[in-house]
Amino acid sequence: MDKKFDVFFTDEAKAFILSLDIKLQNKIAYNIQKSREINDPKLLKKL
């Protein structure tokens, strides 16, 4: 699928995500990837 937008993280955001449990890191990564490919207002609201 085509990406609709790119995501860039600040150093603080990277540090925060890396401080989370691996399960939460994976969920965040999945939701970001999904939001880049699918137009889902419900998902974007969470992000």
C-alpha atoms as a PDB file:
ATOM      1  CA  MET A   1       0.000   0.000   0.000  1.00  0.00           C
ATOM      2  CA  ASP A   2       1.044   3.588  -0.490  1.00  0.00           C
ATOM      3  CA  LYS A   3       1.972   5.708   2.498  1.00  0.00           C
ATOM      4  CA  LYS A   4      -0.242   8.755   2.977  1.00  0.00           C
ATOM      5  CA  PHE A   5       2.290  10.579   5.170  1.00  0.00           C
ATOM      6  CA  ASP A   6       5.650  10.135   6.891  1.00  0.00           C
ATOM      7  CA  VAL A   7       6.203  10.084  10.626  1.00  0.00           C
ATOM      8  CA  PHE A   8       9.223  11.678  12.282  1.00  0.00           C
ATOM      9  CA  PHE A   9       9.899  11.380  16.004  1.00  0.00           C
ATOM     10  CA  THR A  10      11.665  13.877  18.214  1.00  0.00           C
ATOM     11  CA  ASP A  11      14.469  12.569  20.409  1.00  0.00           C
ATOM     12  CA  GLU A  12      12.187  12.903  23.429  1.00  0.00           C
ATOM     13  CA  ALA A  13       9.448  10.870  21.740  1.00  0.00           C
ATOM     14  CA  LYS A  14      11.940   8.139  20.808  1.00  0.00           C
ATOM     15  CA  ALA A  15      13.242   8.009  24.372  1.00  0.00           C
ATOM     16  CA  PHE A  16       9.696   7.796  25.733  1.00  0.00           C
ATOM     17  CA  ILE A  17       8.675   4.975  23.390  1.00  0.00           C
ATOM     18  CA  LEU A  18      11.870   3.059  24.165  1.00  0.00           C
ATOM     19  CA  SER A  19      11.166   3.390  27.888  1.00  0.00           C
ATOM     20  CA  LEU A  20       7.852   1.547  27.462  1.00  0.00           C
ATOM     21  CA  ASP A  21       7.298  -2.189  27.681  1.00  0.00           C
ATOM     22  CA  ILE A  22       8.099  -4.021  24.430  1.00  0.00           C
ATOM     23  CA  LYS A  23       4.446  -4.990  24.019  1.00  0.00           C
ATOM     24  CA  LEU A  24       3.385  -1.336  24.129  1.00  0.00           C
ATOM     25  CA  GLN A  25       6.178  -0.364  21.735  1.00  0.00           C
ATOM     26  CA  ASN A  26       4.909  -2.921  19.231  1.00  0.00           C
ATOM     27  CA  LYS A  27       1.310  -1.706  19.581  1.00  0.00           C
ATOM     28  CA  ILE A  28       2.351   1.906  18.987  1.00  0.00           C
ATOM     29  CA  ALA A  29       4.427   0.921  15.947  1.00  0.00           C
ATOM     30  CA  TYR A  30       1.527  -1.125  14.545  1.00  0.00           C
ATOM     31  CA  ASN A  31      -0.979   1.709  15.005  1.00  0.00           C
ATOM     32  CA  ILE A  32       1.345   4.253  13.395  1.00  0.00           C
ATOM     33  CA  GLN A  33       2.016   1.965  10.437  1.00  0.00           C
ATOM     34  CA  LYS A  34      -1.705   1.246  10.028  1.00  0.00           C
ATOM     35  CA  SER A  35      -2.583   4.954  10.170  1.00  0.00           C
ATOM     36  CA  ARG A  36      -0.034   5.673   7.416  1.00  0.00           C
ATOM     37  CA  GLU A  37      -1.787   3.274   5.040  1.00  0.00           C
ATOM     38  CA  ILE A  38      -5.485   3.349   5.938  1.00  0.00           C
ATOM     39  CA  ASN A  39      -7.723   6.372   6.433  1.00  0.00           C
ATOM     40  CA  ASP A  40      -9.351   5.441   9.745  1.00  0.00           C
ATOM     41  CA  PRO A  41     -10.598   8.449  11.751  1.00  0.00           C
ATOM     42  CA  LYS A  42     -11.125   6.291  14.832  1.00  0.00           C
ATOM     43  CA  LEU A  43      -7.488   5.202  14.806  1.00  0.00           C
ATOM     44  CA  LEU A  44      -6.132   8.689  14.082  1.00  0.00           C
ATOM     45  CA  LYS A  45      -8.123  10.041  17.013  1.00  0.00           C
ATOM     46  CA  LYS A  46      -6.165   7.728  19.324  1.00  0.00           C
ATOM     47  CA  LEU A  47      -2.855   8.932  17.959  1.00  0.00           C
END
